[in-house]
Structures are given as structure tokens and as C-alpha cells.
């Protein structure tokens, strides 16, 4: 019967018994960086009464030590920070997976990230340590990059670090974390623009449900991207054959480019969780005919595999013009996971409907055109500002959404050159980027939860976060049951 108890209950029973016997639960920590250039080991103790822990770890090749405390924010889920003796700061998220094992992720204030496993059984720890140590030694990678901020060019390749920066590194543990020390790195040089190719399509001349703005949106964005150094391929009011042909040509030409961008304005629909872009000649009579008449968004994403950094923008979340012909109705577009190195931007949140707009352009594209070319603004910050603009204009009835797996910053308009930039401004930018990574780690740890307390914890920690709307919706549904 004990084996059938939920894992969190068994976890509570185990830690309770251990506390009665010893006062705290001792655990062992082993982890490695995502690139396997270094590994860490350490120990810690967990107090079941206060749901807090203390940990100490040491990085084998860097030779630095880190220590800290952490707090559970839900059963078997912890978060916090660690402080290292070289002043690096690591933000952490962790989750218990079994009676004797927990997994964690960490990211430091310079963007290096890694994984940590925590064991209460010494034999399990020693087996994992042997595996991790063997792999790090086999790869035998240099660790010089760990002493500088992580900087990624538009090609996705690491750039040369700026001199005299403070080294940093990620880690995470079951619940270890420490009060943050503030490190003021010297900012790296602005990223070079690289080769950029964009495909921009605007479909508005639909027979059953015409749209006024998509062609205007495509033309305006094409002009803006050309001014920003993109080579632009453009299509207007395309049928399915022409859309598929243009997408394939785009994929062929993308090889050798540093950045790929795809923009579609027009009708888009979802069927059973899959997204489709609607050509102007689509003859959709039922759900079963969608695959034969529309363009699968996944096929578009497949074309982007030859480019290391990609941006997909779908201003295609308008009302489904074929909804009366469908047995079931799914409003808007479905959420998709972004492939590595890709950001997918939606005109509104998954399952919601975007407005076409009363002016020359849609509300979403108007905001994008306004904010796209601000110098020195990272890609993800551009879309955050677009979200704020659209949300304000629509009284929160339309809230744009992004899914991102980018690993570095990209600028539509490169930052202006600075001979001696203010250290405080550079540090603020670094902290903002780290906060965004920490929020993503937090959300990934709770997004599949069926416990309302997890979403309440997210809303308390990130009241203005990227996933607030979804968290509130799920929380409301749980409370309504």
C-alpha cells in the first residue's frame, strides 16, 4: 500500500521520519554545466519543519565554492539563490522526483546554465558522480568562457568575451540558494547584424471572409525589415500551391544566413491542437479537409532548421471563418513549443482571437512596426513591449504571446556604440535577462501542475510575468470545479 501513495505524500512521510530521528535530511549534490565543461559536487541538509535547506557545492575545474539557502514554495518544489566565493550569483528551481532523488536547474547572472541532481542515498549519488565526472573528463573542454558573461551572436555561436569581466556559472540543487551578490560586468560589444532573410506573407482576399489589413501589414513590415538589413521574400494573397512553393524556396535560400524570419498575416485555424495557415483559395468544407487545403505551421518550422536563429510571427489568430462547418470549435491558434533557437510570436494568447484593426494595419502589426527598430532593444524585450502596447489598446482583450527557446540576445536594430557605457545600465540589462530566464524555469516547473497553489505561487512571484494570463485562467478553472 505504501508504494501506491502519491509521491509528495511519501516524500512528506519520509522527511518527517528522518526529522524525528536526526532533525534534518542530509542529501548529496552532483551537477554539470549544459556544455559539460565543468561539474560540481556538494552536500546539504533539508529541514522538513521550515521546508528550507542549506547547501554547499564546489566546481571541480573552476575550483570555486558556492553556498546558500532555499525555500520550498510547494510540496517538493524549491527555489532560491546561491552565492559563490567569486561573487557569481545563481538562481535555482528544483523538484523532488522520488523518495531519494530531486532534479534542479540553475542559471547565473551572466547567463550560464546547468543541471543538478540531488540524492539522499549515497550509492545513487556516487553512481551519478562517476557518470558525470567521466563525461566531463572525456570531453576535456576549456573553461575560460566560464569566467565571462555568456554572449551569443545572431548566428547562435558564442562571441569573444569582453575583457576583465567576472566569471560566472550555473548550478541548482534540491533547495539550495543564497542571498544574491550583485556583480557589475563590463558589457560586451554590440552584436553584428549577420545575414538575415525574411519571408513575409499577407493573405486578405478570402472569398468567404475577406480581411482588410493583411496585405498592408505585409507591405509595411517588408519595408521595415529591408531598412533593418533583411533580404525580404514577399507574397500577397497566395493560394496553397504558391504558398507551399514560396515556403520551400525560403527554406532553400535560408542556408548560410544567420537569422531567418517568417511572418504571416491572414486567417489561421487550429484543428485538434495543430495550427494551419489558410491560403486565399482554400475550399474547406470540414475538419478533415483542412490538411489538404491549408498550410501546416509545422511544415514552415521544418524549413527553418538550416538557420541558427529564427523568428516566426503569426498575426493569424482571427475568427475561424469555417467554424460553422466544423463539428467542434477551437478558437484562435494552439500553443506550440518553439524549436531550439526559435521564437514564435502570436498576435494573441493561445485559444484567443485577435482583431484585424480599424486602421491601415492590424492592432498587433501596428505595435510591432512602431517598436521593431528601437536601437539596442533585445528581441524578446521588443515583443514584451508589443504585448504591453496591444494590451493597453484593447483593454486586455487581446494579449500577444510568445514561445521562445532562444539562448542569446538578438537585436533587430543593433545597440549604438558606447566607449564607456554606464556600469549600472549594463548590470540592469543583465539582471533583466536573468530574471526572464528565472521566470521561464519557474513556469516550466508548474505549467503541468493540477495544484492551484503552484499557479498562485507563480502569480505572487511574477505578477507581471509572461504567463500571467494563462496562470489566472487555469487557476479560475480549478476554483470553479
Protein backbone atom coordinates (compact mmCIF):
# COMPACT_ATOMS: atom_id res chain seq x y z
CA UNK A 1 0.00 0.00 0.00
CA UNK A 2 2.86 2.37 0.77
CA UNK A 3 4.14 2.03 -2.79
CA UNK A 4 0.82 3.34 -4.13
CA UNK A 5 0.90 6.55 -2.09
CA UNK A 6 1.35 9.76 -4.10
CA UNK A 7 4.99 10.72 -4.34
CA UNK A 8 4.56 14.01 -2.48
CA UNK A 9 2.84 12.22 0.42
CA UNK A 10 5.58 9.61 0.56
CA UNK A 11 8.12 12.42 0.43
CA UNK A 12 6.45 14.08 3.41
CA UNK A 13 6.34 10.81 5.36
CA UNK A 14 10.00 10.10 4.69
CA UNK A 15 11.19 13.57 5.63
CA UNK A 16 9.01 13.51 8.73
CA UNK A 17 10.52 10.23 9.93
CA UNK A 18 14.01 11.45 9.14
CA UNK A 19 13.40 14.61 11.10
CA UNK A 20 12.23 12.67 14.15
CA UNK A 21 15.41 10.59 14.01
CA UNK A 22 18.02 13.17 13.05
CA UNK A 23 16.42 16.62 12.93
CA UNK A 24 17.22 17.14 9.22
CA UNK A 25 17.54 15.17 6.00
CA UNK A 26 21.06 15.04 4.56
CA UNK A 27 21.49 14.95 0.79
CA UNK A 28 24.30 14.81 -1.77
CA UNK A 29 24.58 17.11 -4.78
CA UNK A 30 26.11 16.43 -8.21
CA UNK A 31 25.68 18.50 -11.35
CA UNK A 32 27.20 19.77 -14.56
CA UNK A 33 27.01 22.70 -16.93
CA UNK A 34 24.87 22.33 -20.02
CA UNK A 35 28.01 22.25 -22.20
CA UNK A 36 29.74 19.69 -19.90
CA UNK A 37 32.76 21.93 -19.41
CA UNK A 38 32.73 21.53 -15.60
CA UNK A 39 30.91 19.66 -12.86
CA UNK A 40 30.07 20.26 -9.22
CA UNK A 41 29.66 18.19 -6.07
CA UNK A 42 28.43 19.00 -2.60
CA UNK A 43 26.17 18.24 0.31
CA UNK A 44 23.23 19.83 2.04
CA UNK A 45 20.52 19.36 4.62
CA UNK A 46 16.76 19.84 4.44
CA UNK A 47 14.61 20.87 7.41
CA UNK A 48 11.06 19.47 7.00
CA UNK A 49 9.65 21.80 9.67
CA UNK A 50 10.64 25.02 7.92
CA UNK A 51 10.70 23.47 4.40
CA UNK A 52 14.09 25.09 3.87
CA UNK A 53 17.56 23.81 3.10
CA UNK A 54 21.24 24.73 3.19
CA UNK A 55 23.78 23.55 0.64
CA UNK A 56 27.45 23.84 -0.22
CA UNK A 57 28.92 22.86 -3.58
CA UNK A 58 32.30 23.05 -5.29
CA UNK A 59 33.06 23.28 -9.01
CA UNK A 60 35.76 20.76 -9.87
CA UNK A 61 37.70 22.65 -12.57
CA UNK A 62 36.97 26.24 -11.63
CA UNK A 63 37.76 25.43 -8.01
CA UNK A 64 35.16 27.83 -6.61
CA UNK A 65 32.76 27.14 -3.76
CA UNK A 66 29.11 28.21 -3.51
CA UNK A 67 26.68 28.05 -0.63
CA UNK A 68 23.18 29.16 0.11
CA UNK A 69 19.73 28.52 1.48
CA UNK A 70 16.43 27.88 -0.25
CA UNK A 71 12.75 27.58 0.50
CA UNK A 72 10.04 25.24 -0.77
CA UNK A 73 7.18 27.15 -2.41
CA UNK A 74 5.10 23.97 -2.89
CA UNK A 75 5.49 20.34 -1.73
CA UNK A 76 8.86 19.04 -3.01
CA UNK A 77 9.41 22.18 -5.15
CA UNK A 78 12.06 24.71 -4.19
CA UNK A 79 13.63 27.90 -5.43
CA UNK A 80 16.28 30.34 -4.33
CA UNK A 81 19.80 31.59 -4.96
CA UNK A 82 23.39 30.65 -4.21
CA UNK A 83 26.41 32.90 -3.66
CA UNK A 84 29.87 31.80 -4.75
CA UNK A 85 33.24 32.92 -3.42
CA UNK A 86 33.98 34.72 -6.71
CA UNK A 87 30.67 36.63 -6.31
CA UNK A 88 28.77 34.80 -9.02
CA UNK A 89 25.03 34.51 -8.26
CA UNK A 90 22.93 31.50 -9.24
CA UNK A 91 19.13 31.36 -9.37
CA UNK A 92 17.62 27.94 -8.85
CA UNK A 93 14.49 25.86 -9.38
CA UNK A 94 14.14 22.25 -8.23
CA UNK A 95 11.59 19.48 -7.89
CA UNK A 96 11.54 16.20 -6.00
CA UNK A 97 11.12 13.23 -8.35
CA UNK A 98 11.12 10.33 -5.90
CA UNK A 99 11.77 9.47 -2.27
CA UNK A 100 15.53 9.79 -2.75
CA UNK A 101 16.02 11.94 -5.85
CA UNK A 102 15.39 15.54 -6.93
CA UNK A 103 16.28 17.41 -10.13
CA UNK A 104 17.21 21.06 -10.42
CA UNK A 105 18.06 23.73 -12.97
CA UNK A 106 20.10 26.86 -12.40
CA UNK A 107 21.21 29.96 -14.24
CA UNK A 108 23.71 32.57 -13.13
CA UNK A 109 23.69 36.33 -13.56
CA UNK A 110 25.80 36.04 -16.73
CA UNK A 111 23.58 33.52 -18.48
CA UNK A 112 25.42 30.20 -17.94
CA UNK A 113 23.05 27.37 -17.09
CA UNK A 114 23.23 23.79 -15.91
CA UNK A 115 21.59 20.82 -14.20
CA UNK A 116 21.93 19.36 -10.73
CA UNK A 117 20.72 16.08 -9.24
CA UNK A 118 20.22 15.60 -5.51
CA UNK A 119 20.25 12.23 -3.77
CA UNK A 120 19.60 11.11 -0.21
CA UNK A 121 21.15 7.71 -0.99
CA UNK A 122 24.96 7.78 -1.05
CA UNK A 123 25.24 4.87 -3.53
CA UNK A 124 22.96 6.62 -6.05
CA UNK A 125 24.99 9.80 -5.69
CA UNK A 126 28.29 8.00 -6.26
CA UNK A 127 26.98 6.30 -9.42
CA UNK A 128 25.80 9.62 -10.87
CA UNK A 129 29.04 11.35 -9.87
CA UNK A 130 31.09 8.70 -11.69
CA UNK A 131 28.98 9.15 -14.83
CA UNK A 132 29.17 12.96 -14.79
CA UNK A 133 32.89 13.08 -13.97
CA UNK A 134 33.70 10.60 -16.74
CA UNK A 135 31.77 12.60 -19.33
CA UNK A 136 33.35 15.93 -18.35
CA UNK A 137 36.83 14.41 -18.42
CA UNK A 138 36.13 12.70 -21.75
CA UNK A 139 35.13 15.98 -23.40
CA UNK A 140 38.01 17.85 -21.74
CA UNK A 141 36.60 21.28 -22.62
CA UNK A 142 38.27 24.58 -21.80
CA UNK A 143 36.64 26.61 -19.01
CA UNK A 144 37.88 30.08 -19.99
CA UNK A 145 34.39 31.06 -21.22
CA UNK A 146 33.00 30.47 -17.73
CA UNK A 147 34.95 33.49 -16.48
CA UNK A 148 32.99 35.88 -18.72
CA UNK A 149 29.36 36.75 -19.48
CA UNK A 150 27.73 34.39 -21.94
CA UNK A 151 27.28 36.28 -25.22
CA UNK A 152 25.67 34.75 -28.31
CA UNK A 153 25.70 36.31 -31.76
CA UNK A 154 22.77 36.22 -34.17
CA UNK A 155 24.34 33.09 -35.66
CA UNK A 156 23.89 31.31 -32.34
CA UNK A 157 27.66 30.93 -31.94
CA UNK A 158 29.44 32.23 -28.82
CA UNK A 159 31.24 35.53 -29.32
CA UNK A 160 34.56 36.53 -27.82
CA UNK A 161 34.01 37.67 -24.22
CA UNK A 162 34.66 41.19 -23.13
CA UNK A 163 37.89 41.52 -21.13
CA UNK A 164 38.03 41.92 -17.36
CA UNK A 165 34.57 40.56 -16.71
CA UNK A 166 33.76 38.48 -13.65
CA UNK A 167 33.35 34.76 -14.23
CA UNK A 168 30.07 33.01 -13.63
CA UNK A 169 28.38 29.62 -13.77
CA UNK A 170 25.08 27.94 -13.18
CA UNK A 171 24.02 25.27 -10.79
CA UNK A 172 20.99 24.18 -8.88
CA UNK A 173 20.09 21.85 -6.04
CA UNK A 174 17.13 20.37 -4.28
CA UNK A 175 16.54 23.60 -2.43
CA UNK A 176 19.88 25.41 -2.03
CA UNK A 177 20.05 29.13 -2.64
CA UNK A 178 21.72 32.18 -1.25
CA UNK A 179 21.25 35.89 -0.90
CA UNK A 180 22.34 37.48 -4.16
CA UNK A 181 25.57 39.33 -4.50
CA UNK A 182 25.48 41.94 -7.24
CA UNK A 183 28.11 41.64 -9.96
CA UNK A 184 28.64 44.53 -12.35
CA UNK A 185 30.06 43.05 -15.58
CA UNK A 186 31.54 45.12 -18.36
CA UNK A 187 29.08 44.88 -21.28
CA UNK A 188 30.18 43.12 -24.44
CA UNK A 189 30.38 44.89 -27.78
CA UNK A 190 27.11 45.18 -29.76
CA UNK A 191 26.22 42.13 -31.79
CA UNK A 192 26.87 42.30 -35.52
CA UNK A 193 23.77 42.10 -37.73
CA UNK A 194 24.76 39.00 -39.73
CA UNK A 195 22.94 37.76 -42.85
CA UNK A 196 19.17 38.00 -42.46
CA UNK A 197 16.44 36.52 -44.64
CA UNK A 198 12.70 37.02 -44.13
CA UNK A 199 9.58 35.58 -45.76
CA UNK A 200 6.54 37.86 -45.36
CA UNK A 201 3.05 36.75 -46.50
CA UNK A 202 -0.21 38.70 -46.31
CA UNK A 203 -3.46 36.96 -47.23
CA UNK A 204 -6.65 39.01 -47.19
CA UNK A 205 -8.65 38.26 -50.36
CA UNK A 206 -10.64 35.35 -48.92
CA UNK A 207 -13.89 34.60 -50.72
CA UNK A 208 -15.94 33.81 -47.62
CA UNK A 209 -14.29 36.05 -45.02
CA UNK A 210 -12.07 38.77 -46.55
CA UNK A 211 -9.66 40.72 -44.36
CA UNK A 212 -8.71 44.32 -45.00
CA UNK A 213 -5.29 44.61 -43.36
CA UNK A 214 -3.03 41.58 -44.06
CA UNK A 215 -1.63 42.83 -47.37
CA UNK A 216 -0.99 46.26 -45.84
CA UNK A 217 0.68 44.53 -42.89
CA UNK A 218 2.94 42.50 -45.18
CA UNK A 219 3.97 45.52 -47.24
CA UNK A 220 4.70 47.71 -44.23
CA UNK A 221 6.70 45.03 -42.44
CA UNK A 222 8.66 44.18 -45.60
CA UNK A 223 9.73 47.81 -45.90
CA UNK A 224 10.71 47.95 -42.23
CA UNK A 225 12.75 44.74 -42.40
CA UNK A 226 14.51 45.86 -45.58
CA UNK A 227 15.57 49.04 -43.80
CA UNK A 228 16.91 46.87 -40.95
CA UNK A 229 19.17 44.86 -43.26
CA UNK A 230 16.93 41.89 -44.10
CA UNK A 231 16.64 40.39 -47.53
CA UNK A 232 12.87 40.01 -47.89
CA UNK A 233 10.82 37.49 -49.87
CA UNK A 234 7.19 38.60 -50.06
CA UNK A 235 3.86 37.06 -51.06
CA UNK A 236 0.37 38.58 -51.25
CA UNK A 237 -3.00 36.81 -51.48
CA UNK A 238 -1.43 33.44 -52.20
CA UNK A 239 -3.18 30.16 -52.96
CA UNK A 240 -1.99 26.95 -51.36
CA UNK A 241 0.32 25.89 -54.20
CA UNK A 242 2.05 29.27 -54.29
CA UNK A 243 2.32 29.39 -50.50
CA UNK A 244 3.93 25.95 -50.31
CA UNK A 245 6.28 26.78 -53.19
CA UNK A 246 7.36 30.07 -51.59
CA UNK A 247 7.90 28.43 -48.19
CA UNK A 248 10.07 25.74 -49.81
CA UNK A 249 12.11 28.36 -51.70
CA UNK A 250 12.56 30.26 -48.45
CA UNK A 251 13.91 27.15 -46.74
CA UNK A 252 16.37 26.52 -49.59
CA UNK A 253 17.69 30.09 -49.53
CA UNK A 254 17.94 30.19 -45.75
CA UNK A 255 21.09 28.06 -45.65
CA UNK A 256 24.09 30.30 -44.96
CA UNK A 257 22.01 33.01 -43.27
CA UNK A 258 22.44 33.88 -39.61
CA UNK A 259 18.80 34.82 -38.97
CA UNK A 260 15.56 33.58 -40.53
CA UNK A 261 12.20 35.28 -40.08
CA UNK A 262 8.70 34.19 -41.16
CA UNK A 263 5.66 36.48 -40.91
CA UNK A 264 2.08 35.59 -41.83
CA UNK A 265 -0.97 37.83 -41.66
CA UNK A 266 -4.34 36.32 -42.55
CA UNK A 267 -6.65 33.58 -41.37
CA UNK A 268 -5.20 30.81 -39.22
CA UNK A 269 -7.05 27.92 -37.58
CA UNK A 270 -6.32 25.03 -35.25
CA UNK A 271 -7.65 21.51 -35.56
CA UNK A 272 -7.05 19.10 -32.70
CA UNK A 273 -4.16 21.17 -31.39
CA UNK A 274 -2.40 21.63 -34.77
CA UNK A 275 -2.13 25.04 -36.43
CA UNK A 276 -2.79 25.77 -40.10
CA UNK A 277 -2.40 28.92 -42.20
CA UNK A 278 -5.24 29.45 -44.67
CA UNK A 279 -4.50 30.25 -48.35
CA UNK A 280 -6.95 32.50 -50.16
CA UNK A 281 -8.14 29.65 -52.41
CA UNK A 282 -8.82 27.18 -49.58
CA UNK A 283 -12.06 25.21 -50.01
CA UNK A 284 -12.61 23.92 -46.52
CA UNK A 285 -15.83 22.02 -46.08
CA UNK A 286 -14.99 20.12 -42.89
CA UNK A 287 -12.26 19.49 -40.36
CA UNK A 288 -10.94 16.60 -42.46
CA UNK A 289 -10.32 18.85 -45.46
CA UNK A 290 -8.10 21.31 -43.59
CA UNK A 291 -4.90 19.30 -44.03
CA UNK A 292 -5.42 19.11 -47.81
CA UNK A 293 -6.41 22.77 -48.25
CA UNK A 294 -4.28 24.71 -45.72
CA UNK A 295 -0.58 25.03 -44.88
CA UNK A 296 0.65 23.24 -41.74
CA UNK A 297 2.66 25.57 -39.50
CA UNK A 298 4.89 22.63 -38.54
CA UNK A 299 5.95 22.39 -42.21
CA UNK A 300 7.01 26.03 -42.03
CA UNK A 301 9.04 25.38 -38.88
CA UNK A 302 10.78 22.46 -40.61
CA UNK A 303 12.12 24.88 -43.24
CA UNK A 304 13.90 26.89 -40.55
CA UNK A 305 16.25 24.09 -39.49
CA UNK A 306 19.18 25.44 -41.54
CA UNK A 307 19.23 28.80 -39.71
CA UNK A 308 20.66 29.00 -36.17
CA UNK A 309 18.29 31.79 -35.04
CA UNK A 310 14.69 32.14 -36.20
CA UNK A 311 11.68 34.36 -35.57
CA UNK A 312 8.14 33.26 -36.50
CA UNK A 313 5.35 35.86 -36.24
CA UNK A 314 1.73 34.76 -36.70
CA UNK A 315 -0.78 37.59 -36.94
CA UNK A 316 -3.26 34.88 -37.80
CA UNK A 317 -5.42 34.36 -34.73
CA UNK A 318 -8.60 35.92 -36.15
CA UNK A 319 -12.02 34.24 -36.05
CA UNK A 320 -12.22 30.89 -37.80
CA UNK A 321 -14.25 31.61 -40.98
CA UNK A 322 -15.17 27.92 -41.32
CA UNK A 323 -16.38 27.31 -37.77
CA UNK A 324 -19.97 26.51 -38.77
CA UNK A 325 -18.69 23.61 -40.86
CA UNK A 326 -16.76 22.01 -38.01
CA UNK A 327 -18.05 19.50 -35.51
CA UNK A 328 -16.05 21.11 -32.72
CA UNK A 329 -14.78 24.65 -32.38
CA UNK A 330 -11.29 25.62 -31.23
CA UNK A 331 -10.87 29.39 -31.13
CA UNK A 332 -7.60 31.04 -32.18
CA UNK A 333 -4.33 29.15 -32.58
CA UNK A 334 -2.91 26.38 -30.40
CA UNK A 335 0.24 26.81 -28.36
CA UNK A 336 3.37 25.33 -29.96
CA UNK A 337 6.76 24.55 -28.48
CA UNK A 338 9.47 26.62 -30.16
CA UNK A 339 12.33 24.56 -31.65
CA UNK A 340 15.81 25.35 -30.33
CA UNK A 341 16.97 28.80 -31.37
CA UNK A 342 13.46 29.93 -32.32
CA UNK A 343 10.94 32.46 -31.03
CA UNK A 344 7.29 32.05 -32.07
CA UNK A 345 5.15 35.16 -31.59
CA UNK A 346 1.35 35.13 -31.70
CA UNK A 347 -0.87 38.18 -32.12
CA UNK A 348 -2.80 36.99 -29.07
CA UNK A 349 -2.70 34.27 -26.42
CA UNK A 350 -3.33 30.65 -27.46
CA UNK A 351 -7.04 29.95 -27.81
CA UNK A 352 -7.90 33.65 -28.13
CA UNK A 353 -8.93 35.81 -31.09
CA UNK A 354 -7.00 38.81 -32.45
CA UNK A 355 -8.55 41.91 -34.01
CA UNK A 356 -7.98 42.88 -37.62
CA UNK A 357 -7.98 46.57 -36.69
CA UNK A 358 -9.78 49.68 -37.96
CA UNK A 359 -6.71 51.41 -39.41
CA UNK A 360 -4.37 50.53 -42.27
CA UNK A 361 -2.75 47.75 -40.21
CA UNK A 362 -3.87 45.25 -37.60
CA UNK A 363 -3.51 46.31 -33.99
CA UNK A 364 -0.70 43.81 -33.43
CA UNK A 365 1.28 44.65 -36.55
CA UNK A 366 0.88 48.38 -35.87
CA UNK A 367 2.52 47.93 -32.47
CA UNK A 368 5.24 45.75 -33.99
CA UNK A 369 6.04 48.34 -36.67
CA UNK A 370 6.23 51.04 -34.02
CA UNK A 371 8.65 49.18 -31.74
CA UNK A 372 10.66 46.92 -34.06
CA UNK A 373 13.51 49.29 -34.91
CA UNK A 374 14.36 50.72 -31.49
CA UNK A 375 18.17 50.51 -31.25
CA UNK A 376 19.67 48.23 -28.63
CA UNK A 377 16.42 46.52 -27.60
CA UNK A 378 16.74 42.70 -27.42
CA UNK A 379 14.28 40.67 -29.47
CA UNK A 380 12.30 39.32 -26.53
CA UNK A 381 12.03 42.79 -25.00
CA UNK A 382 10.60 44.09 -28.29
CA UNK A 383 7.78 41.58 -28.07
CA UNK A 384 7.21 42.30 -24.40
CA UNK A 385 6.71 45.95 -25.31
CA UNK A 386 4.41 44.97 -28.17
CA UNK A 387 2.37 42.94 -25.70
CA UNK A 388 2.05 45.91 -23.37
CA UNK A 389 1.03 48.21 -26.23
CA UNK A 390 -1.62 45.86 -27.63
CA UNK A 391 -2.96 45.00 -24.18
CA UNK A 392 -3.42 48.68 -23.41
CA UNK A 393 -5.09 49.47 -26.75
CA UNK A 394 -7.55 46.58 -26.38
CA UNK A 395 -8.22 46.92 -22.63
CA UNK A 396 -6.59 43.49 -22.13
CA UNK A 397 -8.98 41.80 -24.57
CA UNK A 398 -6.02 40.88 -26.80
CA UNK A 399 -2.77 39.87 -25.14
CA UNK A 400 0.05 38.83 -27.50
CA UNK A 401 2.03 35.72 -26.65
CA UNK A 402 5.44 34.22 -27.37
CA UNK A 403 7.09 30.83 -27.05
CA UNK A 404 10.87 31.06 -27.05
CA UNK A 405 13.86 28.73 -26.94
CA UNK A 406 16.45 31.40 -27.75
CA UNK A 407 19.76 31.06 -25.94
CA UNK A 408 21.15 34.54 -26.58
CA UNK A 409 20.18 38.10 -27.39
CA UNK A 410 19.35 39.30 -30.90
CA UNK A 411 18.69 42.90 -31.94
CA UNK A 412 16.63 44.00 -34.93
CA UNK A 413 18.48 47.31 -34.62
CA UNK A 414 21.95 46.96 -33.14
CA UNK A 415 22.83 48.88 -29.95
CA UNK A 416 24.63 52.17 -30.55
CA UNK A 417 28.37 52.01 -29.96
CA UNK A 418 29.45 53.17 -26.50
CA UNK A 419 33.02 53.90 -25.47
CA UNK A 420 32.29 53.76 -21.76
CA UNK A 421 28.75 52.61 -21.06
CA UNK A 422 27.35 53.14 -17.55
CA UNK A 423 28.06 50.07 -15.47
CA UNK A 424 24.70 50.33 -13.72
CA UNK A 425 22.80 50.20 -17.02
CA UNK A 426 24.74 47.14 -18.17
CA UNK A 427 24.11 45.36 -14.89
CA UNK A 428 20.41 46.18 -15.06
CA UNK A 429 20.19 44.64 -18.53
CA UNK A 430 21.99 41.51 -17.35
CA UNK A 431 19.71 41.19 -14.34
CA UNK A 432 16.62 41.66 -16.52
CA UNK A 433 17.76 38.85 -18.81
CA UNK A 434 18.46 36.59 -15.83
CA UNK A 435 15.05 37.38 -14.33
CA UNK A 436 13.39 36.34 -17.58
CA UNK A 437 15.28 33.03 -17.51
CA UNK A 438 14.31 32.50 -13.87
CA UNK A 439 10.65 33.12 -14.69
CA UNK A 440 10.81 30.60 -17.54
CA UNK A 441 12.36 27.99 -15.24
CA UNK A 442 9.65 28.64 -12.65
CA UNK A 443 6.84 28.39 -15.21
CA UNK A 444 8.21 25.16 -16.68
CA UNK A 445 8.15 23.64 -13.20
CA UNK A 446 4.44 24.41 -12.64
CA UNK A 447 2.84 24.58 -16.10
CA UNK A 448 1.56 20.99 -15.99
CA UNK A 449 0.51 21.10 -12.35
CA UNK A 450 -3.01 20.28 -11.18
CA UNK A 451 -2.44 22.11 -7.89
CA UNK A 452 -3.86 25.64 -7.64
CA UNK A 453 -1.17 26.56 -5.10
CA UNK A 454 1.50 26.27 -7.81
CA UNK A 455 -0.19 28.88 -10.00
CA UNK A 456 -0.81 31.12 -7.01
CA UNK A 457 2.91 30.92 -6.22
CA UNK A 458 3.78 31.89 -9.79
CA UNK A 459 1.40 34.89 -9.71
CA UNK A 460 2.90 36.09 -6.43
CA UNK A 461 6.45 35.77 -7.71
CA UNK A 462 5.82 37.20 -11.19
CA UNK A 463 2.72 39.45 -11.08
CA UNK A 464 3.68 41.00 -14.44
CA UNK A 465 5.12 37.85 -15.99
CA UNK A 466 4.72 36.45 -19.49
CA UNK A 467 2.41 33.64 -18.38
CA UNK A 468 0.11 35.57 -16.02
CA UNK A 469 -2.95 35.31 -18.26
CA UNK A 470 -2.68 31.53 -18.63
CA UNK A 471 -1.95 31.07 -14.91
CA UNK A 472 -5.04 33.07 -13.96
CA UNK A 473 -7.23 31.16 -16.41
CA UNK A 474 -6.08 27.80 -15.09
CA UNK A 475 -6.49 28.96 -11.50
CA UNK A 476 -10.02 30.15 -12.19
CA UNK A 477 -10.93 26.83 -13.81
CA UNK A 478 -9.57 24.92 -10.82
CA UNK A 479 -11.51 27.05 -8.36
CA UNK A 480 -14.70 26.68 -10.40
CA UNK A 481 -14.62 22.87 -10.11
